């Protein structure tokens, strides 16, 4: 197995986040918080309740890119669904700025 296949995902330092439904695209930087906090800071309204990955209210589809969770989540997600309240853009080896696309 290649060594890179075994490396765990880590948070990106910078990402271009595309919110597909609203048409907003903005640069997220390390320290900007979770994707839910980032979206709220841009004036986007996303459902949420617990902010800890347990209720699933903030579930959205990840249309492109990769994320990591900053804390353990227990809410169920299917396939390409993510929990915005705990999600951060994941780094991609060789890319200084990554791109993710979210259905919001």
PDB file of N, CA and C in Angstrom:
ATOM      1  N   UNK A   1       0.855  -1.183   0.000  1.00  0.00           N
ATOM      2  CA  UNK A   1       0.000   0.000   0.000  1.00  0.00           C
ATOM      3  C   UNK A   1       0.895   1.239   0.000  1.00  0.00           C
ATOM      4  N   UNK A   2       0.611   2.236  -0.864  1.00  0.00           N
ATOM      5  CA  UNK A   2       1.421   3.450  -0.885  1.00  0.00           C
ATOM      6  C   UNK A   2       1.352   4.177   0.446  1.00  0.00           C
ATOM      7  N   UNK A   3       2.470   4.809   0.810  1.00  0.00           N
ATOM      8  CA  UNK A   3       2.532   5.516   2.086  1.00  0.00           C
ATOM      9  C   UNK A   3       1.453   6.586   2.187  1.00  0.00           C
ATOM     10  N   UNK A   4       1.164   7.310   1.092  1.00  0.00           N
ATOM     11  CA  UNK A   4       0.173   8.380   1.127  1.00  0.00           C
ATOM     12  C   UNK A   4      -1.235   7.859   1.412  1.00  0.00           C
ATOM     13  N   UNK A   5      -1.496   6.597   1.101  1.00  0.00           N
ATOM     14  CA  UNK A   5      -2.817   6.025   1.350  1.00  0.00           C
ATOM     15  C   UNK A   5      -3.076   5.840   2.841  1.00  0.00           C
ATOM     16  N   UNK A   6      -2.036   5.809   3.644  1.00  0.00           N
ATOM     17  CA  UNK A   6      -2.173   5.576   5.076  1.00  0.00           C
ATOM     18  C   UNK A   6      -2.238   6.861   5.888  1.00  0.00           C
ATOM     19  N   UNK A   7      -1.947   7.991   5.278  1.00  0.00           N
ATOM     20  CA  UNK A   7      -1.919   9.250   6.007  1.00  0.00           C
ATOM     21  C   UNK A   7      -3.332   9.691   6.369  1.00  0.00           C
ATOM     22  N   UNK A   8      -3.547  10.052   7.639  1.00  0.00           N
ATOM     23  CA  UNK A   8      -4.870  10.560   8.018  1.00  0.00           C
ATOM     24  C   UNK A   8      -5.079  11.956   7.451  1.00  0.00           C
ATOM     25  N   UNK A   9      -6.330  12.312   7.220  1.00  0.00           N
ATOM     26  CA  UNK A   9      -6.645  13.647   6.738  1.00  0.00           C
ATOM     27  C   UNK A   9      -6.428  14.661   7.856  1.00  0.00           C
ATOM     28  N   UNK A  10      -5.949  15.835   7.490  1.00  0.00           N
ATOM     29  CA  UNK A  10      -5.794  16.929   8.439  1.00  0.00           C
ATOM     30  C   UNK A  10      -6.502  18.151   7.860  1.00  0.00           C
ATOM     31  N   UNK A  11      -6.772  19.111   8.716  1.00  0.00           N
ATOM     32  CA  UNK A  11      -7.466  20.316   8.264  1.00  0.00           C
ATOM     33  C   UNK A  11      -6.582  21.119   7.328  1.00  0.00           C
ATOM     34  N   UNK A  12      -7.214  21.703   6.329  1.00  0.00           N
ATOM     35  CA  UNK A  12      -6.506  22.574   5.397  1.00  0.00           C
ATOM     36  C   UNK A  12      -6.163  23.885   6.098  1.00  0.00           C
ATOM     37  N   UNK A  13      -5.174  24.582   5.573  1.00  0.00           N
ATOM     38  CA  UNK A  13      -4.861  25.919   6.078  1.00  0.00           C
ATOM     39  C   UNK A  13      -5.721  26.969   5.384  1.00  0.00           C
ATOM     40  N   UNK A  14      -6.115  26.647   4.143  1.00  0.00           N
ATOM     41  CA  UNK A  14      -6.923  27.572   3.365  1.00  0.00           C
ATOM     42  C   UNK A  14      -7.737  26.778   2.356  1.00  0.00           C
ATOM     43  N   UNK A  15      -8.965  27.225   2.118  1.00  0.00           N
ATOM     44  CA  UNK A  15      -9.830  26.535   1.162  1.00  0.00           C
ATOM     45  C   UNK A  15     -10.761  27.532   0.496  1.00  0.00           C
ATOM     46  N   UNK A  16     -11.062  27.277  -0.755  1.00  0.00           N
ATOM     47  CA  UNK A  16     -12.121  28.011  -1.435  1.00  0.00           C
ATOM     48  C   UNK A  16     -13.382  27.195  -1.202  1.00  0.00           C
ATOM     49  N   UNK A  17     -14.364  27.799  -0.557  1.00  0.00           N
ATOM     50  CA  UNK A  17     -15.618  27.111  -0.255  1.00  0.00           C
ATOM     51  C   UNK A  17     -16.700  27.675  -1.159  1.00  0.00           C
ATOM     52  N   UNK A  18     -17.297  26.783  -1.929  1.00  0.00           N
ATOM     53  CA  UNK A  18     -18.375  27.164  -2.836  1.00  0.00           C
ATOM     54  C   UNK A  18     -19.682  26.653  -2.243  1.00  0.00           C
ATOM     55  N   UNK A  19     -20.579  27.582  -1.941  1.00  0.00           N
ATOM     56  CA  UNK A  19     -21.918  27.230  -1.465  1.00  0.00           C
ATOM     57  C   UNK A  19     -22.813  27.230  -2.694  1.00  0.00           C
ATOM     58  N   UNK A  20     -23.106  26.065  -3.221  1.00  0.00           N
ATOM     59  CA  UNK A  20     -23.710  25.892  -4.544  1.00  0.00           C
ATOM     60  C   UNK A  20     -25.094  26.520  -4.697  1.00  0.00           C
ATOM     61  N   UNK A  21     -25.959  26.364  -3.735  1.00  0.00           N
ATOM     62  CA  UNK A  21     -27.331  26.854  -3.865  1.00  0.00           C
ATOM     63  C   UNK A  21     -27.378  28.376  -3.815  1.00  0.00           C
ATOM     64  N   UNK A  22     -26.623  28.972  -2.894  1.00  0.00           N
ATOM     65  CA  UNK A  22     -26.627  30.430  -2.734  1.00  0.00           C
ATOM     66  C   UNK A  22     -25.740  31.126  -3.756  1.00  0.00           C
ATOM     67  N   UNK A  23     -24.822  30.379  -4.364  1.00  0.00           N
ATOM     68  CA  UNK A  23     -23.917  30.974  -5.346  1.00  0.00           C
ATOM     69  C   UNK A  23     -22.771  31.748  -4.725  1.00  0.00           C
ATOM     70  N   UNK A  24     -22.566  31.596  -3.435  1.00  0.00           N
ATOM     71  CA  UNK A  24     -21.482  32.306  -2.751  1.00  0.00           C
ATOM     72  C   UNK A  24     -20.229  31.437  -2.757  1.00  0.00           C
ATOM     73  N   UNK A  25     -19.114  32.060  -3.098  1.00  0.00           N
ATOM     74  CA  UNK A  25     -17.815  31.386  -3.036  1.00  0.00           C
ATOM     75  C   UNK A  25     -16.883  32.302  -2.261  1.00  0.00           C
ATOM     76  N   UNK A  26     -16.230  31.753  -1.241  1.00  0.00           N
ATOM     77  CA  UNK A  26     -15.412  32.571  -0.360  1.00  0.00           C
ATOM     78  C   UNK A  26     -14.217  31.761   0.135  1.00  0.00           C
ATOM     79  N   UNK A  27     -13.150  32.450   0.468  1.00  0.00           N
ATOM     80  CA  UNK A  27     -11.959  31.779   0.984  1.00  0.00           C
ATOM     81  C   UNK A  27     -12.105  31.576   2.489  1.00  0.00           C
ATOM     82  N   UNK A  28     -11.991  30.324   2.898  1.00  0.00           N
ATOM     83  CA  UNK A  28     -11.968  29.935   4.308  1.00  0.00           C
ATOM     84  C   UNK A  28     -10.507  29.804   4.702  1.00  0.00           C
ATOM     85  N   UNK A  29     -10.160  30.300   5.885  1.00  0.00           N
ATOM     86  CA  UNK A  29      -8.785  30.177   6.380  1.00  0.00           C
ATOM     87  C   UNK A  29      -8.798  29.511   7.744  1.00  0.00           C
ATOM     88  N   UNK A  30      -7.686  28.852   8.035  1.00  0.00           N
ATOM     89  CA  UNK A  30      -7.495  28.236   9.338  1.00  0.00           C
ATOM     90  C   UNK A  30      -7.853  29.278  10.401  1.00  0.00           C
ATOM     91  N   UNK A  31      -8.701  28.917  11.321  1.00  0.00           N
ATOM     92  CA  UNK A  31      -9.148  29.863  12.339  1.00  0.00           C
ATOM     93  C   UNK A  31     -10.530  30.441  12.067  1.00  0.00           C
ATOM     94  N   UNK A  32     -11.093  30.167  10.878  1.00  0.00           N
ATOM     95  CA  UNK A  32     -12.431  30.665  10.547  1.00  0.00           C
ATOM     96  C   UNK A  32     -13.540  29.803  11.138  1.00  0.00           C
ATOM     97  N   UNK A  33     -13.180  28.760  11.847  1.00  0.00           N
ATOM     98  CA  UNK A  33     -14.178  27.921  12.498  1.00  0.00           C
ATOM     99  C   UNK A  33     -14.706  26.825  11.600  1.00  0.00           C
ATOM    100  N   UNK A  34     -15.766  26.205  12.069  1.00  0.00           N
ATOM    101  CA  UNK A  34     -16.388  25.113  11.310  1.00  0.00           C
ATOM    102  C   UNK A  34     -17.064  25.671  10.065  1.00  0.00           C
ATOM    103  N   UNK A  35     -17.457  24.787   9.188  1.00  0.00           N
ATOM    104  CA  UNK A  35     -18.154  25.235   7.989  1.00  0.00           C
ATOM    105  C   UNK A  35     -19.508  25.866   8.326  1.00  0.00           C
ATOM    106  N   UNK A  36     -20.136  25.447   9.417  1.00  0.00           N
ATOM    107  CA  UNK A  36     -21.379  26.090   9.855  1.00  0.00           C
ATOM    108  C   UNK A  36     -21.093  27.521  10.307  1.00  0.00           C
ATOM    109  N   UNK A  37     -20.081  27.703  11.137  1.00  0.00           N
ATOM    110  CA  UNK A  37     -19.729  29.042  11.604  1.00  0.00           C
ATOM    111  C   UNK A  37     -19.328  29.945  10.438  1.00  0.00           C
ATOM    112  N   UNK A  38     -18.602  29.377   9.495  1.00  0.00           N
ATOM    113  CA  UNK A  38     -18.168  30.131   8.311  1.00  0.00           C
ATOM    114  C   UNK A  38     -19.383  30.571   7.489  1.00  0.00           C
ATOM    115  N   UNK A  39     -20.308  29.648   7.264  1.00  0.00           N
ATOM    116  CA  UNK A  39     -21.526  29.960   6.503  1.00  0.00           C
ATOM    117  C   UNK A  39     -22.331  31.047   7.205  1.00  0.00           C
ATOM    118  N   UNK A  40     -22.493  30.927   8.514  1.00  0.00           N
ATOM    119  CA  UNK A  40     -23.233  31.934   9.275  1.00  0.00           C
ATOM    120  C   UNK A  40     -22.573  33.305   9.170  1.00  0.00           C
ATOM    121  N   UNK A  41     -21.248  33.330   9.194  1.00  0.00           N
ATOM    122  CA  UNK A  41     -20.516  34.584   9.070  1.00  0.00           C
ATOM    123  C   UNK A  41     -20.728  35.262   7.725  1.00  0.00           C
ATOM    124  N   UNK A  42     -21.106  34.470   6.731  1.00  0.00           N
ATOM    125  CA  UNK A  42     -21.393  35.006   5.400  1.00  0.00           C
ATOM    126  C   UNK A  42     -22.869  35.344   5.222  1.00  0.00           C
ATOM    127  N   UNK A  43     -23.655  35.155   6.292  1.00  0.00           N
ATOM    128  CA  UNK A  43     -25.075  35.469   6.233  1.00  0.00           C
ATOM    129  C   UNK A  43     -25.943  34.330   5.714  1.00  0.00           C
ATOM    130  N   UNK A  44     -25.365  33.146   5.565  1.00  0.00           N
ATOM    131  CA  UNK A  44     -26.147  31.994   5.107  1.00  0.00           C
ATOM    132  C   UNK A  44     -26.855  31.349   6.283  1.00  0.00           C
ATOM    133  N   UNK A  45     -28.072  30.917   6.060  1.00  0.00           N
ATOM    134  CA  UNK A  45     -28.848  30.278   7.105  1.00  0.00           C
ATOM    135  C   UNK A  45     -28.849  28.771   6.896  1.00  0.00           C
ATOM    136  N   UNK A  46     -28.320  28.069   7.856  1.00  0.00           N
ATOM    137  CA  UNK A  46     -28.303  26.608   7.819  1.00  0.00           C
ATOM    138  C   UNK A  46     -28.949  26.103   9.103  1.00  0.00           C
ATOM    139  N   UNK A  47     -29.754  25.074   8.986  1.00  0.00           N
ATOM    140  CA  UNK A  47     -30.358  24.483  10.181  1.00  0.00           C
ATOM    141  C   UNK A  47     -29.258  23.938  11.083  1.00  0.00           C
ATOM    142  N   UNK A  48     -29.482  23.996  12.374  1.00  0.00           N
ATOM    143  CA  UNK A  48     -28.574  23.396  13.349  1.00  0.00           C
ATOM    144  C   UNK A  48     -29.318  23.279  14.666  1.00  0.00           C
ATOM    145  N   UNK A  49     -28.765  22.494  15.558  1.00  0.00           N
ATOM    146  CA  UNK A  49     -29.330  22.398  16.892  1.00  0.00           C
ATOM    147  C   UNK A  49     -28.216  22.230  17.918  1.00  0.00           C
ATOM    148  N   UNK A  50     -27.537  21.091  17.887  1.00  0.00           N
ATOM    149  CA  UNK A  50     -26.584  20.772  18.952  1.00  0.00           C
ATOM    150  C   UNK A  50     -25.194  21.373  18.768  1.00  0.00           C
ATOM    151  N   UNK A  51     -24.779  21.629  17.526  1.00  0.00           N
ATOM    152  CA  UNK A  51     -23.436  22.125  17.205  1.00  0.00           C
ATOM    153  C   UNK A  51     -22.322  21.180  17.678  1.00  0.00           C
ATOM    154  N   UNK A  52     -22.663  19.929  17.850  1.00  0.00           N
ATOM    155  CA  UNK A  52     -21.644  18.977  18.308  1.00  0.00           C
ATOM    156  C   UNK A  52     -21.664  17.660  17.536  1.00  0.00           C
ATOM    157  N   UNK A  53     -22.400  17.593  16.432  1.00  0.00           N
ATOM    158  CA  UNK A  53     -22.392  16.397  15.595  1.00  0.00           C
ATOM    159  C   UNK A  53     -23.272  15.267  16.066  1.00  0.00           C
ATOM    160  N   UNK A  54     -24.231  15.558  16.933  1.00  0.00           N
ATOM    161  CA  UNK A  54     -25.068  14.499  17.485  1.00  0.00           C
ATOM    162  C   UNK A  54     -26.490  14.471  16.919  1.00  0.00           C
ATOM    163  N   UNK A  55     -27.030  15.630  16.512  1.00  0.00           N
ATOM    164  CA  UNK A  55     -28.443  15.648  16.103  1.00  0.00           C
ATOM    165  C   UNK A  55     -28.654  15.477  14.593  1.00  0.00           C
ATOM    166  N   UNK A  56     -27.697  15.911  13.792  1.00  0.00           N
ATOM    167  CA  UNK A  56     -27.825  15.787  12.343  1.00  0.00           C
ATOM    168  C   UNK A  56     -28.606  16.898  11.671  1.00  0.00           C
ATOM    169  N   UNK A  57     -29.027  17.923  12.414  1.00  0.00           N
ATOM    170  CA  UNK A  57     -29.806  19.014  11.826  1.00  0.00           C
ATOM    171  C   UNK A  57     -29.056  19.789  10.749  1.00  0.00           C
ATOM    172  N   UNK A  58     -27.734  19.848  10.856  1.00  0.00           N
ATOM    173  CA  UNK A  58     -26.926  20.650   9.931  1.00  0.00           C
ATOM    174  C   UNK A  58     -26.411  19.830   8.745  1.00  0.00           C
ATOM    175  N   UNK A  59     -26.970  18.667   8.545  1.00  0.00           N
ATOM    176  CA  UNK A  59     -26.533  17.769   7.468  1.00  0.00           C
ATOM    177  C   UNK A  59     -26.740  18.411   6.100  1.00  0.00           C
ATOM    178  N   UNK A  60     -25.685  18.377   5.284  1.00  0.00           N
ATOM    179  CA  UNK A  60     -25.732  18.885   3.910  1.00  0.00           C
ATOM    180  C   UNK A  60     -24.918  17.964   3.015  1.00  0.00           C
ATOM    181  N   UNK A  61     -25.129  18.074   1.700  1.00  0.00           N
ATOM    182  CA  UNK A  61     -24.364  17.268   0.753  1.00  0.00           C
ATOM    183  C   UNK A  61     -23.054  17.962   0.409  1.00  0.00           C
ATOM    184  N   UNK A  62     -21.981  17.180   0.437  1.00  0.00           N
ATOM    185  CA  UNK A  62     -20.682  17.640  -0.028  1.00  0.00           C
ATOM    186  C   UNK A  62     -20.601  17.263  -1.498  1.00  0.00           C
ATOM    187  N   UNK A  63     -20.563  18.271  -2.362  1.00  0.00           N
ATOM    188  CA  UNK A  63     -20.602  18.040  -3.801  1.00  0.00           C
ATOM    189  C   UNK A  63     -19.212  17.861  -4.397  1.00  0.00           C
ATOM    190  N   UNK A  64     -18.197  18.393  -3.738  1.00  0.00           N
ATOM    191  CA  UNK A  64     -16.814  18.249  -4.203  1.00  0.00           C
ATOM    192  C   UNK A  64     -15.870  18.525  -3.051  1.00  0.00           C
ATOM    193  N   UNK A  65     -14.714  17.886  -3.067  1.00  0.00           N
ATOM    194  CA  UNK A  65     -13.701  18.102  -2.046  1.00  0.00           C
ATOM    195  C   UNK A  65     -13.815  17.113  -0.905  1.00  0.00           C
ATOM    196  N   UNK A  66     -13.012  17.364   0.125  1.00  0.00           N
ATOM    197  CA  UNK A  66     -12.973  16.499   1.304  1.00  0.00           C
ATOM    198  C   UNK A  66     -13.027  17.349   2.556  1.00  0.00           C
ATOM    199  N   UNK A  67     -13.588  16.758   3.605  1.00  0.00           N
ATOM    200  CA  UNK A  67     -13.657  17.431   4.905  1.00  0.00           C
ATOM    201  C   UNK A  67     -13.109  16.495   5.979  1.00  0.00           C
ATOM    202  N   UNK A  68     -12.816  17.078   7.129  1.00  0.00           N
ATOM    203  CA  UNK A  68     -12.529  16.307   8.331  1.00  0.00           C
ATOM    204  C   UNK A  68     -13.463  16.840   9.406  1.00  0.00           C
ATOM    205  N   UNK A  69     -13.631  16.063  10.462  1.00  0.00           N
ATOM    206  CA  UNK A  69     -14.416  16.518  11.603  1.00  0.00           C
ATOM    207  C   UNK A  69     -13.473  16.895  12.729  1.00  0.00           C
ATOM    208  N   UNK A  70     -13.728  18.038  13.343  1.00  0.00           N
ATOM    209  CA  UNK A  70     -12.883  18.501  14.441  1.00  0.00           C
ATOM    210  C   UNK A  70     -13.209  17.794  15.752  1.00  0.00           C
ATOM    211  N   UNK A  71     -14.318  17.099  15.787  1.00  0.00           N
ATOM    212  CA  UNK A  71     -14.680  16.306  16.959  1.00  0.00           C
ATOM    213  C   UNK A  71     -15.450  15.076  16.477  1.00  0.00           C
ATOM    214  N   UNK A  72     -15.577  14.109  17.347  1.00  0.00           N
ATOM    215  CA  UNK A  72     -16.289  12.880  16.990  1.00  0.00           C
ATOM    216  C   UNK A  72     -17.770  13.179  16.793  1.00  0.00           C
ATOM    217  N   UNK A  73     -18.338  12.649  15.719  1.00  0.00           N
ATOM    218  CA  UNK A  73     -19.757  12.851  15.444  1.00  0.00           C
ATOM    219  C   UNK A  73     -20.499  11.527  15.602  1.00  0.00           C
ATOM    220  N   UNK A  74     -21.749  11.627  16.033  1.00  0.00           N
ATOM    221  CA  UNK A  74     -22.549  10.411  16.208  1.00  0.00           C
ATOM    222  C   UNK A  74     -23.788  10.400  15.317  1.00  0.00           C
ATOM    223  N   UNK A  75     -24.153  11.542  14.753  1.00  0.00           N
ATOM    224  CA  UNK A  75     -25.309  11.582  13.848  1.00  0.00           C
ATOM    225  C   UNK A  75     -24.974  10.791  12.587  1.00  0.00           C
ATOM    226  N   UNK A  76     -25.954  10.090  12.067  1.00  0.00           N
ATOM    227  CA  UNK A  76     -25.739   9.290  10.867  1.00  0.00           C
ATOM    228  C   UNK A  76     -25.731  10.166   9.627  1.00  0.00           C
ATOM    229  N   UNK A  77     -24.819   9.845   8.731  1.00  0.00           N
ATOM    230  CA  UNK A  77     -24.763  10.518   7.435  1.00  0.00           C
ATOM    231  C   UNK A  77     -24.663   9.438   6.366  1.00  0.00           C
ATOM    232  N   UNK A  78     -25.158   9.768   5.194  1.00  0.00           N
ATOM    233  CA  UNK A  78     -25.114   8.812   4.086  1.00  0.00           C
ATOM    234  C   UNK A  78     -24.195   9.353   2.994  1.00  0.00           C
ATOM    235  N   UNK A  79     -23.439   8.474   2.389  1.00  0.00           N
ATOM    236  CA  UNK A  79     -22.619   8.804   1.231  1.00  0.00           C
ATOM    237  C   UNK A  79     -21.896  10.126   1.310  1.00  0.00           C
ATOM    238  N   UNK A  80     -22.401  11.117   0.594  1.00  0.00           N
ATOM    239  CA  UNK A  80     -21.720  12.397   0.496  1.00  0.00           C
ATOM    240  C   UNK A  80     -22.263  13.458   1.462  1.00  0.00           C
ATOM    241  N   UNK A  81     -22.975  13.050   2.503  1.00  0.00           N
ATOM    242  CA  UNK A  81     -23.504  14.008   3.471  1.00  0.00           C
ATOM    243  C   UNK A  81     -22.451  14.331   4.526  1.00  0.00           C
ATOM    244  N   UNK A  82     -22.455  15.586   4.956  1.00  0.00           N
ATOM    245  CA  UNK A  82     -21.545  16.025   6.014  1.00  0.00           C
ATOM    246  C   UNK A  82     -22.329  16.799   7.063  1.00  0.00           C
ATOM    247  N   UNK A  83     -21.743  16.937   8.238  1.00  0.00           N
ATOM    248  CA  UNK A  83     -22.331  17.732   9.315  1.00  0.00           C
ATOM    249  C   UNK A  83     -21.550  19.035   9.401  1.00  0.00           C
ATOM    250  N   UNK A  84     -22.175  20.128   8.988  1.00  0.00           N
ATOM    251  CA  UNK A  84     -21.498  21.424   8.935  1.00  0.00           C
ATOM    252  C   UNK A  84     -20.971  21.881  10.288  1.00  0.00           C
ATOM    253  N   UNK A  85     -21.654  21.496  11.364  1.00  0.00           N
ATOM    254  CA  UNK A  85     -21.303  22.005  12.688  1.00  0.00           C
ATOM    255  C   UNK A  85     -19.930  21.555  13.179  1.00  0.00           C
ATOM    256  N   UNK A  86     -19.408  20.486  12.625  1.00  0.00           N
ATOM    257  CA  UNK A  86     -18.112  19.952  13.062  1.00  0.00           C
ATOM    258  C   UNK A  86     -17.107  19.839  11.931  1.00  0.00           C
ATOM    259  N   UNK A  87     -17.504  20.194  10.723  1.00  0.00           N
ATOM    260  CA  UNK A  87     -16.674  19.965   9.539  1.00  0.00           C
ATOM    261  C   UNK A  87     -15.715  21.121   9.260  1.00  0.00           C
ATOM    262  N   UNK A  88     -14.516  20.727   8.831  1.00  0.00           N
ATOM    263  CA  UNK A  88     -13.489  21.649   8.362  1.00  0.00           C
ATOM    264  C   UNK A  88     -13.007  21.130   7.013  1.00  0.00           C
ATOM    265  N   UNK A  89     -12.584  22.017   6.107  1.00  0.00           N
ATOM    266  CA  UNK A  89     -12.002  21.532   4.849  1.00  0.00           C
ATOM    267  C   UNK A  89     -10.740  20.705   5.138  1.00  0.00           C
ATOM    268  N   UNK A  90     -10.573  19.624   4.414  1.00  0.00           N
ATOM    269  CA  UNK A  90      -9.396  18.765   4.594  1.00  0.00           C
ATOM    270  C   UNK A  90      -8.303  19.167   3.624  1.00  0.00           C
ATOM    271  N   UNK A  91      -7.069  19.033   4.074  1.00  0.00           N
ATOM    272  CA  UNK A  91      -5.940  19.348   3.207  1.00  0.00           C
ATOM    273  C   UNK A  91      -5.782  18.253   2.152  1.00  0.00           C
ATOM    274  N   UNK A  92      -5.172  18.625   1.045  1.00  0.00           N
ATOM    275  CA  UNK A  92      -4.851  17.693  -0.027  1.00  0.00           C
ATOM    276  C   UNK A  92      -3.369  17.868  -0.310  1.00  0.00           C
ATOM    277  N   UNK A  93      -2.632  16.781  -0.235  1.00  0.00           N
ATOM    278  CA  UNK A  93      -1.190  16.845  -0.428  1.00  0.00           C
ATOM    279  C   UNK A  93      -0.859  17.511  -1.762  1.00  0.00           C
ATOM    280  N   UNK A  94       0.059  18.474  -1.706  1.00  0.00           N
ATOM    281  CA  UNK A  94       0.486  19.165  -2.908  1.00  0.00           C
ATOM    282  C   UNK A  94      -0.347  20.381  -3.273  1.00  0.00           C
ATOM    283  N   UNK A  95      -1.414  20.654  -2.518  1.00  0.00           N
ATOM    284  CA  UNK A  95      -2.266  21.817  -2.796  1.00  0.00           C
ATOM    285  C   UNK A  95      -2.236  22.772  -1.613  1.00  0.00           C
ATOM    286  N   UNK A  96      -1.823  24.006  -1.876  1.00  0.00           N
ATOM    287  CA  UNK A  96      -1.793  25.007  -0.818  1.00  0.00           C
ATOM    288  C   UNK A  96      -3.208  25.446  -0.444  1.00  0.00           C
ATOM    289  N   UNK A  97      -4.065  25.587  -1.462  1.00  0.00           N
ATOM    290  CA  UNK A  97      -5.465  25.954  -1.262  1.00  0.00           C
ATOM    291  C   UNK A  97      -6.327  24.864  -1.874  1.00  0.00           C
ATOM    292  N   UNK A  98      -7.234  24.304  -1.099  1.00  0.00           N
ATOM    293  CA  UNK A  98      -8.130  23.277  -1.589  1.00  0.00           C
ATOM    294  C   UNK A  98      -9.485  23.911  -1.919  1.00  0.00           C
ATOM    295  N   UNK A  99     -10.306  23.179  -2.641  1.00  0.00           N
ATOM    296  CA  UNK A  99     -11.638  23.652  -2.989  1.00  0.00           C
ATOM    297  C   UNK A  99     -12.667  22.633  -2.553  1.00  0.00           C
ATOM    298  N   UNK A 100     -13.725  23.099  -1.921  1.00  0.00           N
ATOM    299  CA  UNK A 100     -14.844  22.235  -1.583  1.00  0.00           C
ATOM    300  C   UNK A 100     -16.134  22.913  -2.058  1.00  0.00           C
ATOM    301  N   UNK A 101     -17.131  22.094  -2.307  1.00  0.00           N
ATOM    302  CA  UNK A 101     -18.429  22.593  -2.766  1.00  0.00           C
ATOM    303  C   UNK A 101     -19.512  21.931  -1.917  1.00  0.00           C
ATOM    304  N   UNK A 102     -20.377  22.765  -1.355  1.00  0.00           N
ATOM    305  CA  UNK A 102     -21.412  22.296  -0.432  1.00  0.00           C
ATOM    306  C   UNK A 102     -22.783  22.709  -0.947  1.00  0.00           C
ATOM    307  N   UNK A 103     -23.752  21.848  -0.782  1.00  0.00           N
ATOM    308  CA  UNK A 103     -25.128  22.167  -1.159  1.00  0.00           C
ATOM    309  C   UNK A 103     -25.760  23.024  -0.068  1.00  0.00           C
ATOM    310  N   UNK A 104     -25.605  24.321  -0.188  1.00  0.00           N
ATOM    311  CA  UNK A 104     -26.182  25.285   0.767  1.00  0.00           C
ATOM    312  C   UNK A 104     -26.330  26.616   0.058  1.00  0.00           C
TER     313      UNK A 104
END
